[in-house]
């Protein structure tokens, strides 16, 4: 999941990025953001597949996540997500990847407006249908989500996150489209 989130952040913020799929092996081959976003979708879908079929022990799952997620992030809507909640978070991220990385220009009341020389693709009817499908299977009102919070001691430091990831906030927002 972390690679899916990281590639989503890179692909959403930059024109090009690196895809590094092997531990300890670097790369200097930049690829366009569409390829980075495709890698994000691939890893998010792999995580969803593992969550749907690969959890042998709920007790072990809860114990590991309880240790991995800092206690100060396990308050409010933060906490140990069930596998189904996690899958719904992933569906929301997949919908987000589509929604914020394609153009849907609406200029001066014209829904068919065109932005010339854009490096971003245009939202198609199929894209909108996919956003509706994914968001319909996305985060629900009572779901827990991964949150980043500050704490008096040993909390997240924005400076540390800015260096390691281009997007310091984790914002997974539920999409409600009708």
C-alpha atoms as a PDB file:
ATOM      1  CA  UNK A   1       0.000   0.000   0.000  1.00  0.00           C
ATOM      2  CA  UNK A   2       2.787   2.456   0.849  1.00  0.00           C
ATOM      3  CA  UNK A   3       4.169   2.278  -2.703  1.00  0.00           C
ATOM      4  CA  UNK A   4       0.696   2.865  -4.097  1.00  0.00           C
ATOM      5  CA  UNK A   5       0.297   5.951  -1.914  1.00  0.00           C
ATOM      6  CA  UNK A   6       3.831   7.232  -2.627  1.00  0.00           C
ATOM      7  CA  UNK A   7       3.494   6.787  -6.394  1.00  0.00           C
ATOM      8  CA  UNK A   8       0.078   8.530  -6.256  1.00  0.00           C
ATOM      9  CA  UNK A   9       1.687  11.512  -4.524  1.00  0.00           C
ATOM     10  CA  UNK A  10       4.593  11.690  -7.002  1.00  0.00           C
ATOM     11  CA  UNK A  11       2.337  11.196 -10.043  1.00  0.00           C
ATOM     12  CA  UNK A  12      -0.133  13.815  -8.821  1.00  0.00           C
ATOM     13  CA  UNK A  13       2.460  16.466  -8.004  1.00  0.00           C
ATOM     14  CA  UNK A  14       5.128  16.120 -10.675  1.00  0.00           C
ATOM     15  CA  UNK A  15       5.316  15.841 -14.468  1.00  0.00           C
ATOM     16  CA  UNK A  16       7.676  12.854 -14.205  1.00  0.00           C
ATOM     17  CA  UNK A  17       9.076  10.575 -11.532  1.00  0.00           C
ATOM     18  CA  UNK A  18      11.059   7.447 -10.814  1.00  0.00           C
ATOM     19  CA  UNK A  19       9.624   3.973 -10.458  1.00  0.00           C
ATOM     20  CA  UNK A  20      11.888   1.912  -8.223  1.00  0.00           C
ATOM     21  CA  UNK A  21      10.558  -1.611  -7.802  1.00  0.00           C
ATOM     22  CA  UNK A  22      13.671  -3.419  -6.557  1.00  0.00           C
ATOM     23  CA  UNK A  23      15.097  -3.033  -3.068  1.00  0.00           C
ATOM     24  CA  UNK A  24      18.568  -1.535  -3.023  1.00  0.00           C
ATOM     25  CA  UNK A  25      18.528  -0.759  -6.747  1.00  0.00           C
ATOM     26  CA  UNK A  26      18.273   2.868  -7.795  1.00  0.00           C
ATOM     27  CA  UNK A  27      17.218   4.352 -11.090  1.00  0.00           C
ATOM     28  CA  UNK A  28      17.835   7.544 -13.000  1.00  0.00           C
ATOM     29  CA  UNK A  29      15.173   6.778 -15.619  1.00  0.00           C
ATOM     30  CA  UNK A  30      12.364   9.283 -15.252  1.00  0.00           C
ATOM     31  CA  UNK A  31       8.977   8.295 -16.632  1.00  0.00           C
ATOM     32  CA  UNK A  32       5.942  10.487 -17.291  1.00  0.00           C
ATOM     33  CA  UNK A  33       3.397  10.915 -14.521  1.00  0.00           C
ATOM     34  CA  UNK A  34       0.891   8.606 -16.242  1.00  0.00           C
ATOM     35  CA  UNK A  35       3.347   5.722 -15.794  1.00  0.00           C
ATOM     36  CA  UNK A  36       3.899   6.653 -12.147  1.00  0.00           C
ATOM     37  CA  UNK A  37       0.121   6.744 -11.578  1.00  0.00           C
ATOM     38  CA  UNK A  38      -0.228   3.351 -13.298  1.00  0.00           C
ATOM     39  CA  UNK A  39       2.356   1.989 -10.827  1.00  0.00           C
ATOM     40  CA  UNK A  40       0.305   3.509  -7.994  1.00  0.00           C
ATOM     41  CA  UNK A  41      -2.854   1.786  -9.218  1.00  0.00           C
ATOM     42  CA  UNK A  42      -0.965  -1.509  -9.612  1.00  0.00           C
ATOM     43  CA  UNK A  43       0.302  -1.479  -6.019  1.00  0.00           C
ATOM     44  CA  UNK A  44      -3.028  -0.329  -4.590  1.00  0.00           C
ATOM     45  CA  UNK A  45      -4.811  -3.160  -6.425  1.00  0.00           C
ATOM     46  CA  UNK A  46      -2.184  -5.673  -5.241  1.00  0.00           C
ATOM     47  CA  UNK A  47      -2.765  -4.543  -1.646  1.00  0.00           C
ATOM     48  CA  UNK A  48      -6.543  -4.855  -2.054  1.00  0.00           C
ATOM     49  CA  UNK A  49      -6.111  -8.374  -3.437  1.00  0.00           C
ATOM     50  CA  UNK A  50      -3.919  -9.406  -0.526  1.00  0.00           C
ATOM     51  CA  UNK A  51      -6.354  -7.906   1.986  1.00  0.00           C
ATOM     52  CA  UNK A  52      -9.287  -9.776   0.443  1.00  0.00           C
ATOM     53  CA  UNK A  53      -7.665 -13.188   0.449  1.00  0.00           C
ATOM     54  CA  UNK A  54      -4.413 -13.150   2.386  1.00  0.00           C
ATOM     55  CA  UNK A  55      -5.259 -12.495   6.047  1.00  0.00           C
ATOM     56  CA  UNK A  56      -4.974 -15.858   7.800  1.00  0.00           C
ATOM     57  CA  UNK A  57      -5.239 -14.579  11.379  1.00  0.00           C
ATOM     58  CA  UNK A  58      -7.316 -11.549  12.354  1.00  0.00           C
ATOM     59  CA  UNK A  59      -5.655 -11.591  15.775  1.00  0.00           C
ATOM     60  CA  UNK A  60      -2.144 -11.356  14.274  1.00  0.00           C
ATOM     61  CA  UNK A  61      -3.327  -8.737  11.761  1.00  0.00           C
ATOM     62  CA  UNK A  62      -4.717  -6.537  14.564  1.00  0.00           C
ATOM     63  CA  UNK A  63      -1.609  -7.010  16.722  1.00  0.00           C
ATOM     64  CA  UNK A  64       0.783  -6.026  13.924  1.00  0.00           C
ATOM     65  CA  UNK A  65      -1.238  -2.994  12.810  1.00  0.00           C
ATOM     66  CA  UNK A  66      -1.661  -1.958  16.443  1.00  0.00           C
ATOM     67  CA  UNK A  67       2.137  -1.737  16.703  1.00  0.00           C
ATOM     68  CA  UNK A  68       2.747  -0.204  13.250  1.00  0.00           C
ATOM     69  CA  UNK A  69       0.228   2.630  13.607  1.00  0.00           C
ATOM     70  CA  UNK A  70       1.396   5.083  16.296  1.00  0.00           C
ATOM     71  CA  UNK A  71      -0.997   5.241  19.255  1.00  0.00           C
ATOM     72  CA  UNK A  72      -1.568   8.986  18.792  1.00  0.00           C
ATOM     73  CA  UNK A  73      -2.903   8.178  15.299  1.00  0.00           C
ATOM     74  CA  UNK A  74      -5.365   5.623  16.687  1.00  0.00           C
ATOM     75  CA  UNK A  75      -7.878   8.219  17.882  1.00  0.00           C
ATOM     76  CA  UNK A  76     -10.987   9.688  16.318  1.00  0.00           C
ATOM     77  CA  UNK A  77     -11.326   8.265  12.813  1.00  0.00           C
ATOM     78  CA  UNK A  78      -7.808   6.815  13.051  1.00  0.00           C
ATOM     79  CA  UNK A  79      -7.261   3.286  14.246  1.00  0.00           C
ATOM     80  CA  UNK A  80      -6.784  -0.295  13.169  1.00  0.00           C
ATOM     81  CA  UNK A  81      -8.725  -0.704   9.961  1.00  0.00           C
ATOM     82  CA  UNK A  82     -10.465  -3.979   9.241  1.00  0.00           C
ATOM     83  CA  UNK A  83      -9.387  -5.504   5.922  1.00  0.00           C
ATOM     84  CA  UNK A  84     -12.724  -4.367   4.412  1.00  0.00           C
ATOM     85  CA  UNK A  85     -12.179  -0.791   5.635  1.00  0.00           C
ATOM     86  CA  UNK A  86      -8.684  -0.852   4.181  1.00  0.00           C
ATOM     87  CA  UNK A  87     -10.018  -2.058   0.814  1.00  0.00           C
ATOM     88  CA  UNK A  88     -12.562   0.790   0.843  1.00  0.00           C
ATOM     89  CA  UNK A  89      -9.701   3.246   1.585  1.00  0.00           C
ATOM     90  CA  UNK A  90      -7.857   1.807  -1.424  1.00  0.00           C
ATOM     91  CA  UNK A  91     -10.928   2.194  -3.659  1.00  0.00           C
ATOM     92  CA  UNK A  92     -11.137   5.836  -2.600  1.00  0.00           C
ATOM     93  CA  UNK A  93      -7.452   6.329  -3.440  1.00  0.00           C
ATOM     94  CA  UNK A  94      -7.967   4.738  -6.870  1.00  0.00           C
ATOM     95  CA  UNK A  95     -10.914   7.084  -7.517  1.00  0.00           C
ATOM     96  CA  UNK A  96      -8.785  10.014  -6.323  1.00  0.00           C
ATOM     97  CA  UNK A  97      -5.988   9.077  -8.737  1.00  0.00           C
ATOM     98  CA  UNK A  98      -8.434   9.407 -11.629  1.00  0.00           C
ATOM     99  CA  UNK A  99     -10.308  12.438 -10.372  1.00  0.00           C
ATOM    100  CA  UNK A 100      -7.361  14.724  -9.663  1.00  0.00           C
ATOM    101  CA  UNK A 101      -5.125  13.676 -12.525  1.00  0.00           C
ATOM    102  CA  UNK A 102      -7.393  14.271 -15.500  1.00  0.00           C
ATOM    103  CA  UNK A 103      -8.910  17.463 -16.864  1.00  0.00           C
ATOM    104  CA  UNK A 104     -12.618  18.163 -16.881  1.00  0.00           C
ATOM    105  CA  UNK A 105     -12.597  21.756 -18.147  1.00  0.00           C
ATOM    106  CA  UNK A 106     -15.726  23.847 -17.776  1.00  0.00           C
ATOM    107  CA  UNK A 107     -15.021  27.322 -19.083  1.00  0.00           C
ATOM    108  CA  UNK A 108     -17.602  30.111 -19.370  1.00  0.00           C
ATOM    109  CA  UNK A 109     -20.475  27.627 -19.075  1.00  0.00           C
ATOM    110  CA  UNK A 110     -19.059  25.348 -21.796  1.00  0.00           C
ATOM    111  CA  UNK A 111     -18.683  21.735 -20.579  1.00  0.00           C
ATOM    112  CA  UNK A 112     -16.877  20.868 -23.831  1.00  0.00           C
ATOM    113  CA  UNK A 113     -14.123  23.455 -23.409  1.00  0.00           C
ATOM    114  CA  UNK A 114     -10.601  22.399 -24.341  1.00  0.00           C
ATOM    115  CA  UNK A 115      -7.350  23.399 -22.703  1.00  0.00           C
ATOM    116  CA  UNK A 116      -4.682  23.446 -25.394  1.00  0.00           C
ATOM    117  CA  UNK A 117      -1.187  22.026 -24.875  1.00  0.00           C
ATOM    118  CA  UNK A 118      -2.173  20.333 -21.589  1.00  0.00           C
ATOM    119  CA  UNK A 119       0.045  17.502 -20.438  1.00  0.00           C
ATOM    120  CA  UNK A 120      -2.884  15.950 -18.605  1.00  0.00           C
ATOM    121  CA  UNK A 121      -5.482  13.731 -20.238  1.00  0.00           C
ATOM    122  CA  UNK A 122      -9.167  14.588 -20.400  1.00  0.00           C
ATOM    123  CA  UNK A 123     -11.792  12.845 -18.239  1.00  0.00           C
ATOM    124  CA  UNK A 124     -13.882  10.557 -20.419  1.00  0.00           C
ATOM    125  CA  UNK A 125     -17.339   9.201 -19.674  1.00  0.00           C
ATOM    126  CA  UNK A 126     -15.675   5.864 -18.846  1.00  0.00           C
ATOM    127  CA  UNK A 127     -13.376   7.658 -16.362  1.00  0.00           C
ATOM    128  CA  UNK A 128     -16.364   9.299 -14.658  1.00  0.00           C
ATOM    129  CA  UNK A 129     -18.137   5.933 -14.473  1.00  0.00           C
ATOM    130  CA  UNK A 130     -15.034   4.375 -12.930  1.00  0.00           C
ATOM    131  CA  UNK A 131     -14.847   7.197 -10.354  1.00  0.00           C
ATOM    132  CA  UNK A 132     -18.511   6.580  -9.485  1.00  0.00           C
ATOM    133  CA  UNK A 133     -17.965   2.818  -9.194  1.00  0.00           C
ATOM    134  CA  UNK A 134     -14.822   3.118  -7.053  1.00  0.00           C
ATOM    135  CA  UNK A 135     -16.220   5.837  -4.802  1.00  0.00           C
ATOM    136  CA  UNK A 136     -19.395   3.786  -4.349  1.00  0.00           C
ATOM    137  CA  UNK A 137     -17.122   1.032  -2.998  1.00  0.00           C
ATOM    138  CA  UNK A 138     -15.013   3.587  -1.108  1.00  0.00           C
ATOM    139  CA  UNK A 139     -14.859   4.927   2.445  1.00  0.00           C
ATOM    140  CA  UNK A 140     -18.117   4.841   4.428  1.00  0.00           C
ATOM    141  CA  UNK A 141     -19.192   7.212   7.209  1.00  0.00           C
ATOM    142  CA  UNK A 142     -18.216   4.858  10.028  1.00  0.00           C
ATOM    143  CA  UNK A 143     -14.943   3.611   8.516  1.00  0.00           C
ATOM    144  CA  UNK A 144     -11.603   4.258  10.116  1.00  0.00           C
ATOM    145  CA  UNK A 145      -8.913   5.849   7.947  1.00  0.00           C
ATOM    146  CA  UNK A 146      -5.169   6.283   8.161  1.00  0.00           C
ATOM    147  CA  UNK A 147      -4.551   9.623   9.834  1.00  0.00           C
ATOM    148  CA  UNK A 148      -1.442  11.648  10.485  1.00  0.00           C
ATOM    149  CA  UNK A 149      -1.588  13.661  13.687  1.00  0.00           C
ATOM    150  CA  UNK A 150       0.765  15.709  15.753  1.00  0.00           C
ATOM    151  CA  UNK A 151       1.720  14.784  19.295  1.00  0.00           C
ATOM    152  CA  UNK A 152       3.482  16.632  22.096  1.00  0.00           C
ATOM    153  CA  UNK A 153       6.450  14.266  21.808  1.00  0.00           C
ATOM    154  CA  UNK A 154       7.568  11.864  19.072  1.00  0.00           C
ATOM    155  CA  UNK A 155       4.899  13.017  16.626  1.00  0.00           C
ATOM    156  CA  UNK A 156       5.217  13.539  12.913  1.00  0.00           C
ATOM    157  CA  UNK A 157       7.596  16.308  11.967  1.00  0.00           C
ATOM    158  CA  UNK A 158       6.668  18.082   8.753  1.00  0.00           C
ATOM    159  CA  UNK A 159      10.354  18.607   7.971  1.00  0.00           C
ATOM    160  CA  UNK A 160      11.029  14.864   8.087  1.00  0.00           C
ATOM    161  CA  UNK A 161       8.046  14.104   5.844  1.00  0.00           C
ATOM    162  CA  UNK A 162       8.844  16.783   3.284  1.00  0.00           C
ATOM    163  CA  UNK A 163      12.257  15.224   2.687  1.00  0.00           C
ATOM    164  CA  UNK A 164      10.987  11.669   2.321  1.00  0.00           C
ATOM    165  CA  UNK A 165       7.667  12.208   0.533  1.00  0.00           C
ATOM    166  CA  UNK A 166       6.509  15.082  -1.629  1.00  0.00           C
ATOM    167  CA  UNK A 167       3.120  15.124   0.108  1.00  0.00           C
ATOM    168  CA  UNK A 168       3.364  15.548   3.906  1.00  0.00           C
ATOM    169  CA  UNK A 169      -0.332  15.128   4.628  1.00  0.00           C
ATOM    170  CA  UNK A 170      -2.264  11.930   4.271  1.00  0.00           C
ATOM    171  CA  UNK A 171      -5.641  13.001   3.038  1.00  0.00           C
ATOM    172  CA  UNK A 172      -8.026  10.292   2.055  1.00  0.00           C
ATOM    173  CA  UNK A 173     -11.361  11.962   1.578  1.00  0.00           C
ATOM    174  CA  UNK A 174     -14.587  10.111   0.898  1.00  0.00           C
ATOM    175  CA  UNK A 175     -16.082  10.954  -2.481  1.00  0.00           C
ATOM    176  CA  UNK A 176     -19.806  11.481  -2.535  1.00  0.00           C
ATOM    177  CA  UNK A 177     -21.066  11.855  -6.076  1.00  0.00           C
ATOM    178  CA  UNK A 178     -24.684  11.640  -7.161  1.00  0.00           C
END
